């Protein structure tokens, strides 16, 4: 068995710097090698190093008019949803999310997933 371990070429070395008592290991101090010198950093601009991006890959940003139209459409759909909720007999304010409601939803989901709560 010992011959097999010697032939495998696998070597285990303890690389810890300190012993269990907190003393510096002499083998670790001997194994330490100085860090390789760091190459000096040459200042370059990011634009010069970056590969040029083809014009076809960059989407055209929306104009101010398009942004305003999107904003107005969003506000209109929010008002429509609030109106539908109000027509069903509930208040839209009751459905607004708060930290307490968020935590309660996480709690209820966890309870259902763990099987600690049954649907009724």
N, C-alpha and C. Protein backbone atom coordinates (compact mmCIF):
# COMPACT_ATOMS: atom_id res chain seq x y z
N UNK A 1 0.82 -1.18 0.00
CA UNK A 1 0.00 0.00 0.00
C UNK A 1 0.87 1.26 0.00
N UNK A 2 1.94 1.25 0.82
CA UNK A 2 2.83 2.40 0.90
C UNK A 2 3.56 2.62 -0.43
N UNK A 3 3.87 1.51 -1.14
CA UNK A 3 4.55 1.65 -2.42
C UNK A 3 3.65 2.31 -3.45
N UNK A 4 2.35 2.02 -3.41
CA UNK A 4 1.41 2.63 -4.33
C UNK A 4 1.35 4.14 -4.15
N UNK A 5 1.34 4.58 -2.89
CA UNK A 5 1.27 6.01 -2.61
C UNK A 5 2.53 6.73 -3.09
N UNK A 6 3.68 6.08 -2.98
CA UNK A 6 4.92 6.71 -3.41
C UNK A 6 4.97 6.84 -4.93
N UNK A 7 4.40 5.87 -5.63
CA UNK A 7 4.46 5.87 -7.08
C UNK A 7 3.44 6.81 -7.73
N UNK A 8 2.45 7.25 -6.99
CA UNK A 8 1.38 8.03 -7.60
C UNK A 8 1.82 9.44 -8.01
N UNK A 9 2.88 9.94 -7.41
CA UNK A 9 3.35 11.26 -7.76
C UNK A 9 2.54 12.38 -7.11
N UNK A 10 1.66 12.01 -6.23
CA UNK A 10 0.81 12.99 -5.54
C UNK A 10 1.48 13.37 -4.23
N UNK A 11 1.70 14.65 -4.00
CA UNK A 11 2.39 15.10 -2.80
C UNK A 11 1.47 16.05 -2.04
N UNK A 12 1.35 15.83 -0.75
CA UNK A 12 0.55 16.69 0.10
C UNK A 12 1.51 17.54 0.92
N UNK A 13 1.32 18.85 0.88
CA UNK A 13 2.17 19.73 1.68
C UNK A 13 1.28 20.65 2.50
N UNK A 14 1.68 20.86 3.75
CA UNK A 14 0.94 21.72 4.66
C UNK A 14 1.37 23.15 4.39
N UNK A 15 0.44 23.97 3.92
CA UNK A 15 0.78 25.34 3.55
C UNK A 15 0.35 26.35 4.59
N UNK A 16 -0.11 25.85 5.73
CA UNK A 16 -0.53 26.79 6.78
C UNK A 16 0.69 27.53 7.33
N UNK A 17 0.52 28.79 7.65
CA UNK A 17 1.63 29.60 8.14
C UNK A 17 1.87 29.43 9.63
N UNK A 18 0.82 29.04 10.38
CA UNK A 18 0.92 28.95 11.83
C UNK A 18 0.55 27.56 12.33
N UNK A 19 1.12 27.18 13.47
CA UNK A 19 0.76 25.91 14.10
C UNK A 19 -0.53 26.10 14.88
N UNK A 20 -1.04 24.99 15.48
CA UNK A 20 -2.27 25.06 16.26
C UNK A 20 -2.10 25.96 17.47
N UNK A 21 -0.87 26.13 17.94
CA UNK A 21 -0.60 26.99 19.10
C UNK A 21 -0.46 28.46 18.70
N UNK A 22 -0.43 28.74 17.42
CA UNK A 22 -0.32 30.12 16.97
C UNK A 22 1.10 30.53 16.66
N UNK A 23 2.04 29.60 16.70
CA UNK A 23 3.44 29.89 16.41
C UNK A 23 3.68 29.82 14.90
N UNK A 24 4.60 30.61 14.41
CA UNK A 24 4.95 30.60 13.00
C UNK A 24 5.68 29.30 12.70
N UNK A 25 5.23 28.58 11.68
CA UNK A 25 5.88 27.34 11.29
C UNK A 25 7.19 27.66 10.57
N UNK A 26 8.24 26.92 10.90
CA UNK A 26 9.54 27.18 10.26
C UNK A 26 9.52 26.73 8.81
N UNK A 27 8.78 25.64 8.49
CA UNK A 27 8.71 25.18 7.11
C UNK A 27 7.99 26.22 6.24
N UNK A 28 6.97 26.86 6.79
CA UNK A 28 6.21 27.84 6.03
C UNK A 28 7.06 29.06 5.72
N UNK A 29 7.91 29.47 6.68
CA UNK A 29 8.78 30.62 6.45
C UNK A 29 9.80 30.30 5.37
N UNK A 30 10.29 29.04 5.34
CA UNK A 30 11.27 28.65 4.33
C UNK A 30 10.63 28.54 2.95
N UNK A 31 9.35 28.14 2.89
CA UNK A 31 8.67 27.97 1.61
C UNK A 31 8.26 29.28 0.97
N UNK A 32 8.18 30.35 1.77
CA UNK A 32 7.72 31.62 1.23
C UNK A 32 8.66 32.09 0.14
N UNK A 33 8.08 32.51 -0.95
CA UNK A 33 8.87 33.07 -2.04
C UNK A 33 8.42 34.51 -2.24
N UNK A 34 9.32 35.37 -2.64
CA UNK A 34 8.90 36.76 -2.84
C UNK A 34 7.90 36.86 -3.98
N UNK A 35 7.02 37.81 -3.87
CA UNK A 35 5.99 38.03 -4.89
C UNK A 35 6.65 38.51 -6.17
N UNK A 36 6.15 38.07 -7.32
CA UNK A 36 6.73 38.53 -8.58
C UNK A 36 6.52 40.03 -8.73
N UNK A 37 7.45 40.70 -9.37
CA UNK A 37 7.30 42.14 -9.54
C UNK A 37 6.08 42.45 -10.41
N UNK A 38 5.40 43.51 -10.04
CA UNK A 38 4.21 43.92 -10.76
C UNK A 38 4.61 44.85 -11.89
N UNK A 39 4.09 44.58 -13.06
CA UNK A 39 4.40 45.41 -14.21
C UNK A 39 3.77 46.78 -14.02
N UNK A 40 4.45 47.83 -14.42
CA UNK A 40 3.87 49.17 -14.27
C UNK A 40 2.63 49.31 -15.15
N UNK A 41 1.67 50.01 -14.63
CA UNK A 41 0.43 50.23 -15.35
C UNK A 41 0.60 51.40 -16.30
N UNK A 42 0.29 51.15 -17.55
CA UNK A 42 0.39 52.19 -18.56
C UNK A 42 -0.98 52.82 -18.71
N UNK A 43 -1.04 54.13 -18.60
CA UNK A 43 -2.32 54.84 -18.69
C UNK A 43 -2.78 54.84 -20.14
N UNK A 44 -3.97 54.27 -20.34
CA UNK A 44 -4.58 54.29 -21.66
C UNK A 44 -6.02 54.70 -21.49
N UNK A 45 -6.59 55.18 -22.53
CA UNK A 45 -8.00 55.55 -22.46
C UNK A 45 -8.84 54.33 -22.80
N UNK A 46 -9.99 54.23 -22.19
CA UNK A 46 -10.89 53.11 -22.42
C UNK A 46 -11.43 53.13 -23.85
N UNK A 47 -11.55 54.29 -24.40
CA UNK A 47 -12.07 54.41 -25.76
C UNK A 47 -11.09 53.82 -26.76
N UNK A 48 -9.81 54.01 -26.54
CA UNK A 48 -8.81 53.51 -27.47
C UNK A 48 -8.73 51.99 -27.41
N UNK A 49 -8.91 51.39 -26.22
CA UNK A 49 -8.82 49.94 -26.05
C UNK A 49 -10.09 49.24 -26.50
N UNK A 50 -11.21 49.88 -26.42
CA UNK A 50 -12.49 49.23 -26.74
C UNK A 50 -12.61 49.03 -28.24
N UNK A 51 -13.21 47.89 -28.57
CA UNK A 51 -13.44 47.61 -29.98
C UNK A 51 -14.56 48.50 -30.47
N UNK A 52 -14.47 48.99 -31.67
CA UNK A 52 -15.55 49.85 -32.18
C UNK A 52 -16.84 49.05 -32.32
N UNK A 53 -17.94 49.64 -31.90
CA UNK A 53 -19.25 49.01 -31.97
C UNK A 53 -19.90 49.41 -33.27
N UNK A 54 -20.37 48.43 -34.04
CA UNK A 54 -21.04 48.80 -35.29
C UNK A 54 -22.29 49.62 -35.02
N UNK A 55 -22.58 50.55 -35.91
CA UNK A 55 -23.73 51.43 -35.73
C UNK A 55 -25.05 50.66 -35.72
N UNK A 56 -25.11 49.52 -36.40
CA UNK A 56 -26.36 48.77 -36.48
C UNK A 56 -26.72 48.10 -35.16
N UNK A 57 -25.76 47.88 -34.25
CA UNK A 57 -26.02 47.23 -32.98
C UNK A 57 -26.58 48.18 -31.92
N UNK A 58 -26.39 49.46 -32.11
CA UNK A 58 -26.85 50.45 -31.13
C UNK A 58 -28.27 50.89 -31.49
N UNK A 59 -29.24 50.63 -30.61
CA UNK A 59 -30.61 51.07 -30.92
C UNK A 59 -30.73 52.58 -30.82
N UNK A 60 -31.64 53.11 -31.57
CA UNK A 60 -31.88 54.55 -31.56
C UNK A 60 -32.69 54.88 -30.30
N UNK A 61 -32.23 55.81 -29.48
CA UNK A 61 -32.99 56.14 -28.27
C UNK A 61 -34.30 56.84 -28.62
N UNK A 62 -35.32 56.67 -27.75
CA UNK A 62 -36.60 57.32 -28.04
C UNK A 62 -36.47 58.85 -27.93
N UNK A 63 -37.25 59.52 -28.72
CA UNK A 63 -37.24 60.98 -28.66
C UNK A 63 -38.03 61.43 -27.44
N UNK A 64 -37.95 62.71 -27.14
CA UNK A 64 -38.68 63.25 -25.99
C UNK A 64 -40.18 63.09 -26.18
N UNK A 65 -40.65 63.24 -27.40
CA UNK A 65 -42.08 63.09 -27.68
C UNK A 65 -42.52 61.65 -27.43
N UNK A 66 -41.73 60.68 -27.88
CA UNK A 66 -42.05 59.27 -27.67
C UNK A 66 -42.03 58.92 -26.18
N UNK A 67 -41.07 59.46 -25.45
CA UNK A 67 -41.00 59.22 -24.01
C UNK A 67 -42.24 59.77 -23.31
N UNK A 68 -42.68 60.96 -23.71
CA UNK A 68 -43.86 61.56 -23.11
C UNK A 68 -45.10 60.72 -23.43
N UNK A 69 -45.21 60.23 -24.67
CA UNK A 69 -46.34 59.38 -25.05
C UNK A 69 -46.37 58.10 -24.21
N UNK A 70 -45.22 57.49 -23.99
CA UNK A 70 -45.14 56.28 -23.17
C UNK A 70 -45.55 56.58 -21.73
N UNK A 71 -45.10 57.68 -21.21
CA UNK A 71 -45.44 58.07 -19.84
C UNK A 71 -46.95 58.30 -19.70
N UNK A 72 -47.52 58.99 -20.66
CA UNK A 72 -48.97 59.25 -20.62
C UNK A 72 -49.77 57.95 -20.75
N UNK A 73 -49.33 57.03 -21.62
CA UNK A 73 -50.01 55.75 -21.78
C UNK A 73 -49.94 54.94 -20.49
N UNK A 74 -48.80 54.98 -19.81
CA UNK A 74 -48.66 54.26 -18.54
C UNK A 74 -49.62 54.83 -17.50
N UNK A 75 -49.67 56.15 -17.37
CA UNK A 75 -50.57 56.77 -16.39
C UNK A 75 -52.03 56.48 -16.71
N UNK A 76 -52.38 56.46 -18.00
CA UNK A 76 -53.76 56.18 -18.39
C UNK A 76 -54.14 54.75 -18.03
N UNK A 77 -53.25 53.78 -18.30
CA UNK A 77 -53.56 52.39 -17.97
C UNK A 77 -53.65 52.19 -16.47
N UNK A 78 -52.83 52.90 -15.69
CA UNK A 78 -52.92 52.81 -14.23
C UNK A 78 -54.27 53.34 -13.75
N UNK A 79 -54.72 54.46 -14.33
CA UNK A 79 -56.03 55.02 -13.96
C UNK A 79 -57.16 54.06 -14.34
N UNK A 80 -57.04 53.43 -15.52
CA UNK A 80 -58.06 52.47 -15.96
C UNK A 80 -58.13 51.28 -15.00
N UNK A 81 -57.01 50.77 -14.58
CA UNK A 81 -57.01 49.64 -13.65
C UNK A 81 -57.61 50.05 -12.30
N UNK A 82 -57.26 51.24 -11.82
CA UNK A 82 -57.84 51.72 -10.56
C UNK A 82 -59.36 51.85 -10.69
N UNK A 83 -59.83 52.33 -11.84
CA UNK A 83 -61.27 52.48 -12.06
C UNK A 83 -61.96 51.12 -12.05
N UNK A 84 -61.35 50.11 -12.69
CA UNK A 84 -61.93 48.77 -12.70
C UNK A 84 -62.00 48.18 -11.30
N UNK A 85 -60.98 48.41 -10.49
CA UNK A 85 -60.97 47.91 -9.11
C UNK A 85 -62.07 48.60 -8.31
N UNK A 86 -62.18 49.90 -8.48
CA UNK A 86 -63.20 50.66 -7.74
C UNK A 86 -64.61 50.21 -8.13
N UNK A 87 -64.81 49.89 -9.43
CA UNK A 87 -66.12 49.43 -9.87
C UNK A 87 -66.49 48.06 -9.30
N UNK A 88 -65.48 47.27 -8.94
CA UNK A 88 -65.75 45.95 -8.38
C UNK A 88 -66.11 46.01 -6.90
N UNK A 89 -66.08 47.22 -6.32
CA UNK A 89 -66.48 47.39 -4.94
C UNK A 89 -65.33 47.46 -3.95
N UNK A 90 -64.12 47.45 -4.42
CA UNK A 90 -62.95 47.54 -3.55
C UNK A 90 -62.28 48.89 -3.75
N UNK A 91 -61.45 49.25 -2.81
CA UNK A 91 -60.70 50.49 -2.93
C UNK A 91 -59.31 50.17 -3.51
N UNK A 92 -58.86 50.99 -4.44
CA UNK A 92 -57.52 50.80 -5.01
C UNK A 92 -56.45 51.01 -3.95
N UNK A 93 -56.73 51.83 -2.95
CA UNK A 93 -55.77 52.07 -1.87
C UNK A 93 -55.53 50.81 -1.05
N UNK A 94 -56.56 49.92 -0.98
CA UNK A 94 -56.42 48.67 -0.22
C UNK A 94 -55.44 47.72 -0.88
N UNK A 95 -55.21 47.86 -2.17
CA UNK A 95 -54.35 46.96 -2.91
C UNK A 95 -52.93 47.49 -3.09
N UNK A 96 -52.65 48.68 -2.57
CA UNK A 96 -51.29 49.21 -2.71
C UNK A 96 -50.33 48.37 -1.88
N UNK A 97 -49.13 48.17 -2.40
CA UNK A 97 -48.14 47.36 -1.72
C UNK A 97 -47.39 48.21 -0.70
N UNK A 98 -47.15 47.62 0.44
CA UNK A 98 -46.33 48.25 1.47
C UNK A 98 -45.35 47.19 1.96
N UNK A 99 -44.44 47.57 2.80
CA UNK A 99 -43.46 46.61 3.30
C UNK A 99 -44.15 45.51 4.09
N UNK A 100 -45.15 45.87 4.88
CA UNK A 100 -45.87 44.88 5.68
C UNK A 100 -46.60 43.88 4.78
N UNK A 101 -47.23 44.37 3.72
CA UNK A 101 -47.94 43.48 2.80
C UNK A 101 -46.96 42.59 2.04
N UNK A 102 -45.80 43.13 1.67
CA UNK A 102 -44.78 42.34 1.00
C UNK A 102 -44.30 41.21 1.90
N UNK A 103 -44.00 41.54 3.15
CA UNK A 103 -43.54 40.51 4.10
C UNK A 103 -44.62 39.47 4.35
N UNK A 104 -45.87 39.91 4.42
CA UNK A 104 -46.97 38.98 4.64
C UNK A 104 -47.09 38.02 3.46
N UNK A 105 -46.89 38.51 2.24
CA UNK A 105 -46.98 37.63 1.07
C UNK A 105 -45.85 36.61 1.08
N UNK A 106 -44.65 37.03 1.49
CA UNK A 106 -43.54 36.08 1.60
C UNK A 106 -43.83 35.03 2.66
N UNK A 107 -44.39 35.46 3.79
CA UNK A 107 -44.73 34.56 4.89
C UNK A 107 -45.76 33.54 4.43
N UNK A 108 -46.82 33.99 3.77
CA UNK A 108 -47.88 33.09 3.32
C UNK A 108 -47.35 32.11 2.28
N UNK A 109 -46.51 32.57 1.37
CA UNK A 109 -45.95 31.69 0.36
C UNK A 109 -45.08 30.62 1.00
N UNK A 110 -44.26 31.01 1.96
CA UNK A 110 -43.40 30.03 2.65
C UNK A 110 -44.24 29.01 3.40
N UNK A 111 -45.30 29.46 4.07
CA UNK A 111 -46.17 28.54 4.81
C UNK A 111 -46.83 27.54 3.85
N UNK A 112 -47.30 28.00 2.70
CA UNK A 112 -47.92 27.11 1.73
C UNK A 112 -46.91 26.10 1.18
N UNK A 113 -45.70 26.56 0.88
CA UNK A 113 -44.67 25.68 0.33
C UNK A 113 -44.23 24.63 1.33
N UNK A 114 -44.20 24.97 2.60
CA UNK A 114 -43.81 24.02 3.65
C UNK A 114 -44.95 23.09 4.03
N UNK A 115 -46.14 23.38 3.54
CA UNK A 115 -47.29 22.54 3.86
C UNK A 115 -47.84 22.80 5.24
N UNK A 116 -47.53 23.93 5.80
CA UNK A 116 -47.99 24.26 7.15
C UNK A 116 -49.35 24.96 7.13
N UNK A 117 -49.84 25.28 5.95
CA UNK A 117 -51.11 25.97 5.83
C UNK A 117 -51.86 25.34 4.66
N UNK A 118 -53.12 25.10 4.84
CA UNK A 118 -53.92 24.48 3.79
C UNK A 118 -54.88 25.49 3.22
N UNK A 119 -55.08 25.41 1.91
CA UNK A 119 -56.07 26.30 1.28
C UNK A 119 -57.45 25.88 1.71
N UNK A 120 -58.31 26.85 1.91
CA UNK A 120 -59.68 26.53 2.34
C UNK A 120 -60.67 27.12 1.41
